[in-house]
C-alpha atoms as a PDB file:
ATOM      1  CA  MET A   1       4.735 -23.814 -24.506  1.00  0.00           C
ATOM      2  CA  ARG A   2       1.130 -23.123 -25.534  1.00  0.00           C
ATOM      3  CA  GLU A   3       0.328 -26.818 -25.286  1.00  0.00           C
ATOM      4  CA  GLN A   4       1.508 -26.865 -21.689  1.00  0.00           C
ATOM      5  CA  ILE A   5      -0.564 -23.808 -20.848  1.00  0.00           C
ATOM      6  CA  LYS A   6      -3.609 -25.384 -22.502  1.00  0.00           C
ATOM      7  CA  LYS A   7      -3.108 -28.580 -20.520  1.00  0.00           C
ATOM      8  CA  ILE A   8      -2.709 -26.678 -17.262  1.00  0.00           C
ATOM      9  CA  LEU A   9      -5.802 -24.552 -17.897  1.00  0.00           C
ATOM     10  CA  LEU A  10      -7.816 -27.603 -18.910  1.00  0.00           C
ATOM     11  CA  GLY A  11      -6.716 -29.366 -15.720  1.00  0.00           C
ATOM     12  CA  ILE A  12      -7.742 -26.396 -13.601  1.00  0.00           C
ATOM     13  CA  ILE A  13     -11.136 -26.133 -15.298  1.00  0.00           C
ATOM     14  CA  ILE A  14     -11.781 -29.845 -14.906  1.00  0.00           C
ATOM     15  CA  GLY A  15     -10.691 -29.678 -11.269  1.00  0.00           C
ATOM     16  CA  VAL A  16     -12.953 -26.730 -10.524  1.00  0.00           C
ATOM     17  CA  PHE A  17     -16.004 -28.486 -11.954  1.00  0.00           C
ATOM     18  CA  THR A  18     -15.360 -32.125 -11.090  1.00  0.00           C
ATOM     19  CA  LEU A  19     -14.173 -31.850  -7.497  1.00  0.00           C
ATOM     20  CA  PRO A  20     -17.450 -30.390  -6.177  1.00  0.00           C
ATOM     21  CA  THR A  21     -19.412 -32.795  -8.362  1.00  0.00           C
ATOM     22  CA  ILE A  22     -17.538 -35.812  -7.058  1.00  0.00           C
ATOM     23  CA  THR A  23     -17.739 -34.588  -3.471  1.00  0.00           C
ATOM     24  CA  LEU A  24     -21.402 -33.646  -3.535  1.00  0.00           C
ATOM     25  CA  GLY A  25     -22.389 -36.540  -5.767  1.00  0.00           C
ATOM     26  CA  GLY A  26     -20.631 -38.867  -3.355  1.00  0.00           C
ATOM     27  CA  SER A  27     -22.694 -37.602  -0.435  1.00  0.00           C
ATOM     28  CA  PHE A  28     -25.850 -37.946  -2.525  1.00  0.00           C
ATOM     29  CA  THR A  29     -25.003 -41.585  -3.275  1.00  0.00           C
ATOM     30  CA  VAL A  30     -24.055 -42.284   0.348  1.00  0.00           C
ATOM     31  CA  SER A  31     -27.377 -40.805   1.492  1.00  0.00           C
ATOM     32  CA  LEU A  32     -29.258 -43.104  -0.860  1.00  0.00           C
ATOM     33  CA  ILE A  33     -27.210 -46.110   0.274  1.00  0.00           C
ATOM     34  CA  GLN A  34     -27.970 -45.254   3.901  1.00  0.00           C
ATOM     35  CA  GLY A  35     -31.637 -45.716   3.116  1.00  0.00           C
ATOM     36  CA  LYS A  36     -32.700 -42.120   2.794  1.00  0.00           C
ATOM     37  CA  SER A  37     -35.320 -41.205   0.265  1.00  0.00           C
ATOM     38  CA  VAL A  38     -34.404 -39.305  -2.871  1.00  0.00           C
ATOM     39  CA  GLU A  39     -36.053 -36.179  -1.401  1.00  0.00           C
ATOM     40  CA  GLU A  40     -33.949 -36.445   1.774  1.00  0.00           C
ATOM     41  CA  ALA A  41     -30.778 -37.004  -0.263  1.00  0.00           C
ATOM     42  CA  VAL A  42     -31.585 -33.953  -2.398  1.00  0.00           C
ATOM     43  CA  GLN A  43     -32.206 -31.951   0.792  1.00  0.00           C
ATOM     44  CA  ILE A  44     -28.804 -33.004   2.186  1.00  0.00           C
ATOM     45  CA  LEU A  45     -27.175 -32.108  -1.119  1.00  0.00           C
ATOM     46  CA  ALA A  46     -28.898 -28.683  -1.118  1.00  0.00           C
ATOM     47  CA  GLU A  47     -27.668 -28.008   2.432  1.00  0.00           C
ATOM     48  CA  GLN A  48     -24.120 -28.871   1.414  1.00  0.00           C
ATOM     49  CA  ILE A  49     -24.339 -26.558  -1.590  1.00  0.00           C
ATOM     50  CA  ASP A  50     -25.654 -23.755   0.638  1.00  0.00           C
ATOM     51  CA  SER A  51     -22.763 -24.376   3.014  1.00  0.00           C
ATOM     52  CA  LEU A  52     -20.256 -24.158   0.150  1.00  0.00           C
ATOM     53  CA  ILE A  53     -21.816 -20.938  -1.143  1.00  0.00           C
ATOM     54  CA  GLY A  54     -21.600 -19.450   2.348  1.00  0.00           C
ATOM     55  CA  ARG A  55     -17.928 -20.384   2.567  1.00  0.00           C
ATOM     56  CA  VAL A  56     -17.222 -18.806  -0.799  1.00  0.00           C
ATOM     57  CA  GLU A  57     -18.969 -15.590   0.282  1.00  0.00           C
ATOM     58  CA  VAL A  58     -16.901 -15.486   3.474  1.00  0.00           C
ATOM     59  CA  LEU A  59     -13.707 -15.973   1.462  1.00  0.00           C
ATOM     60  CA  GLU A  60     -14.698 -13.243  -0.983  1.00  0.00           C
ATOM     61  CA  THR A  61     -15.381 -10.844   1.889  1.00  0.00           C
ATOM     62  CA  LYS A  62     -12.043 -11.642   3.524  1.00  0.00           C
ATOM     63  CA  GLN A  63     -10.300 -11.163   0.184  1.00  0.00           C
ATOM     64  CA  LYS A  64     -11.867  -7.714  -0.277  1.00  0.00           C
ATOM     65  CA  VAL A  65     -10.813  -6.687   3.234  1.00  0.00           C
ATOM     66  CA  GLN A  66      -7.295  -7.947   2.610  1.00  0.00           C
ATOM     67  CA  GLU A  67      -7.059  -6.146  -0.743  1.00  0.00           C
ATOM     68  CA  GLN A  68      -8.198  -2.909   0.899  1.00  0.00           C
ATOM     69  CA  SER A  69      -5.669  -3.356   3.693  1.00  0.00           C
ATOM     70  CA  MET A  70      -2.900  -4.004   1.172  1.00  0.00           C
ATOM     71  CA  GLN A  71      -3.888  -0.869  -0.758  1.00  0.00           C
ATOM     72  CA  GLU A  72      -3.776   1.210   2.433  1.00  0.00           C
ATOM     73  CA  MET A  73      -0.351  -0.183   3.312  1.00  0.00           C
ATOM     74  CA  GLN A  74       0.910   0.533  -0.219  1.00  0.00           C
ATOM     75  CA  THR A  75      -0.356   4.119   0.000  1.00  0.00           C
ATOM     76  CA  ALA A  76       1.277   4.599   3.406  1.00  0.00           C
ATOM     77  CA  LEU A  77       4.559   3.182   2.109  1.00  0.00           C
ATOM     78  CA  GLU A  78       4.532   5.470  -0.918  1.00  0.00           C
ATOM     79  CA  LYS A  79       3.815   8.489   1.295  1.00  0.00           C
ATOM     80  CA  GLU A  80       6.659   7.529   3.618  1.00  0.00           C
ATOM     81  CA  GLN A  81       9.040   7.242   0.661  1.00  0.00           C
ATOM     82  CA  VAL A  82       8.037  10.713  -0.551  1.00  0.00           C
ATOM     83  CA  GLN A  83       8.587  12.102   2.955  1.00  0.00           C
ATOM     84  CA  GLN A  84      11.995  10.462   3.233  1.00  0.00           C
ATOM     85  CA  LYS A  85      13.069  11.790  -0.156  1.00  0.00           C
ATOM     86  CA  ALA A  86      11.928  15.326   0.743  1.00  0.00           C
ATOM     87  CA  TYR A  87      13.746  15.145   4.080  1.00  0.00           C
ATOM     88  CA  ASN A  88      16.937  13.870   2.421  1.00  0.00           C
ATOM     89  CA  GLU A  89      16.826  16.793  -0.031  1.00  0.00           C
ATOM     90  CA  PHE A  90      16.416  19.199   2.878  1.00  0.00           C
ATOM     91  CA  ARG A  91      19.323  17.600   4.781  1.00  0.00           C
ATOM     92  CA  LYS A  92      21.634  18.005   1.761  1.00  0.00           C
ATOM     93  CA  VAL A  93      21.088  21.749   1.909  1.00  0.00           C
ATOM     94  CA  TYR A  94      20.981  21.853   5.716  1.00  0.00           C
ATOM     95  CA  ASP A  95      24.415  20.250   5.908  1.00  0.00           C
ATOM     96  CA  LYS A  96      25.851  23.159   3.868  1.00  0.00           C
ATOM     97  CA  VAL A  97      24.820  25.666   6.544  1.00  0.00           C
ATOM     98  CA  TRP A  98      27.295  26.365   9.328  1.00  0.00           C
ATOM     99  CA  LEU A  99      24.795  28.485  11.211  1.00  0.00           C
ATOM    100  CA  ARG A 100      22.608  26.299  13.439  1.00  0.00           C
ATOM    101  CA  GLY A 101      19.463  27.067  15.405  1.00  0.00           C
ATOM    102  CA  ASN A 102      17.995  24.941  18.193  1.00  0.00           C
ATOM    103  CA  THR A 103      15.867  23.064  15.655  1.00  0.00           C
ATOM    104  CA  GLU A 104      15.956  22.562  11.910  1.00  0.00           C
ATOM    105  CA  GLU A 105      13.137  25.060  11.538  1.00  0.00           C
ATOM    106  CA  ASP A 106      15.097  27.614  13.613  1.00  0.00           C
ATOM    107  CA  THR A 107      18.092  27.079  11.339  1.00  0.00           C
ATOM    108  CA  VAL A 108      15.960  27.880   8.294  1.00  0.00           C
ATOM    109  CA  GLN A 109      14.746  31.069   9.968  1.00  0.00           C
ATOM    110  CA  ASP A 110      18.205  32.044  11.282  1.00  0.00           C
ATOM    111  CA  THR A 111      19.722  31.597   7.815  1.00  0.00           C
ATOM    112  CA  ARG A 112      17.064  33.875   6.302  1.00  0.00           C
ATOM    113  CA  GLU A 113      17.689  36.497   9.037  1.00  0.00           C
ATOM    114  CA  TYR A 114      21.456  36.297   8.466  1.00  0.00           C
ATOM    115  CA  CYS A 115      20.844  36.870   4.752  1.00  0.00           C
ATOM    116  CA  GLN A 116      18.643  39.891   5.454  1.00  0.00           C
ATOM    117  CA  GLN A 117      21.231  41.293   7.869  1.00  0.00           C
ATOM    118  CA  ALA A 118      23.954  40.987   5.227  1.00  0.00           C
ATOM    119  CA  ILE A 119      21.730  42.851   2.742  1.00  0.00           C
ATOM    120  CA  LYS A 120      21.132  45.641   5.288  1.00  0.00           C
ATOM    121  CA  GLU A 121      24.873  45.910   5.902  1.00  0.00           C
ATOM    122  CA  GLY A 122      25.525  46.119   2.175  1.00  0.00           C
ATOM    123  CA  ASN A 123      27.821  43.062   2.241  1.00  0.00           C
ATOM    124  CA  LYS A 124      27.070  41.733  -1.251  1.00  0.00           C
ATOM    125  CA  GLY A 125      29.355  38.670  -1.061  1.00  0.00           C
ATOM    126  CA  LYS A 126      27.915  37.476   2.224  1.00  0.00           C
ATOM    127  CA  ALA A 127      24.374  38.245   1.068  1.00  0.00           C
ATOM    128  CA  ASP A 128      24.810  36.367  -2.219  1.00  0.00           C
ATOM    129  CA  ASN A 129      26.103  33.265  -0.436  1.00  0.00           C
ATOM    130  CA  PHE A 130      23.563  33.205   2.347  1.00  0.00           C
ATOM    131  CA  CYS A 131      20.499  34.377   0.433  1.00  0.00           C
ATOM    132  CA  SER A 132      20.731  31.647  -2.183  1.00  0.00           C
ATOM    133  CA  LEU A 133      21.346  29.109   0.577  1.00  0.00           C
ATOM    134  CA  ALA A 134      18.430  30.516   2.579  1.00  0.00           C
ATOM    135  CA  ASP A 135      16.160  30.269  -0.481  1.00  0.00           C
ATOM    136  CA  GLU A 136      17.171  26.681  -1.116  1.00  0.00           C
ATOM    137  CA  LEU A 137      16.845  25.803   2.566  1.00  0.00           C
ATOM    138  CA  GLU A 138      13.372  27.343   2.766  1.00  0.00           C
ATOM    139  CA  SER A 139      12.122  25.623  -0.390  1.00  0.00           C
ATOM    140  CA  THR A 140      13.366  22.174   0.666  1.00  0.00           C
ATOM    141  CA  TRP A 141      12.005  22.691   4.197  1.00  0.00           C
ATOM    142  CA  LYS A 142       8.609  23.665   2.762  1.00  0.00           C
ATOM    143  CA  ALA A 143       8.614  20.624   0.453  1.00  0.00           C
ATOM    144  CA  TYR A 144       9.381  18.393   3.427  1.00  0.00           C
ATOM    145  CA  GLN A 145       6.649  19.982   5.564  1.00  0.00           C
ATOM    146  CA  ASP A 146       4.153  19.635   2.695  1.00  0.00           C
ATOM    147  CA  SER A 147       5.003  15.938   2.381  1.00  0.00           C
ATOM    148  CA  LEU A 148       4.039  15.434   6.029  1.00  0.00           C
ATOM    149  CA  LYS A 149       0.460  16.560   5.367  1.00  0.00           C
END
């Protein structure tokens, strides 16, 4: 296993160093064969190296932009998952409530008011049921609203 990894790494290293050498050296030789002076061939070779360096810089810049974009997408995805989990927790409690307002937020408020009314009336059984449900509903609603920020 290690031998294979060594061979692969050696092949990559050789490829990284020899490919540009063969390519650029080939253009240097061709320039000399075409009758250019050594200075002109070196100039052509230098221009090709500058061109390659420019390409590498462009690729590095694009890679940084892509990495940043991927990080932003990952952050957005994680936030969305937290929001969905908080909403699902709220809906579990919400589905226990038979009292419904026009909106989910109204239902939270109506449940709290129903609890307070039961306390005022002295109906301990009703108050115990609704107050604990109202507390749970309010806490899960708040957690969901906080996740949206």
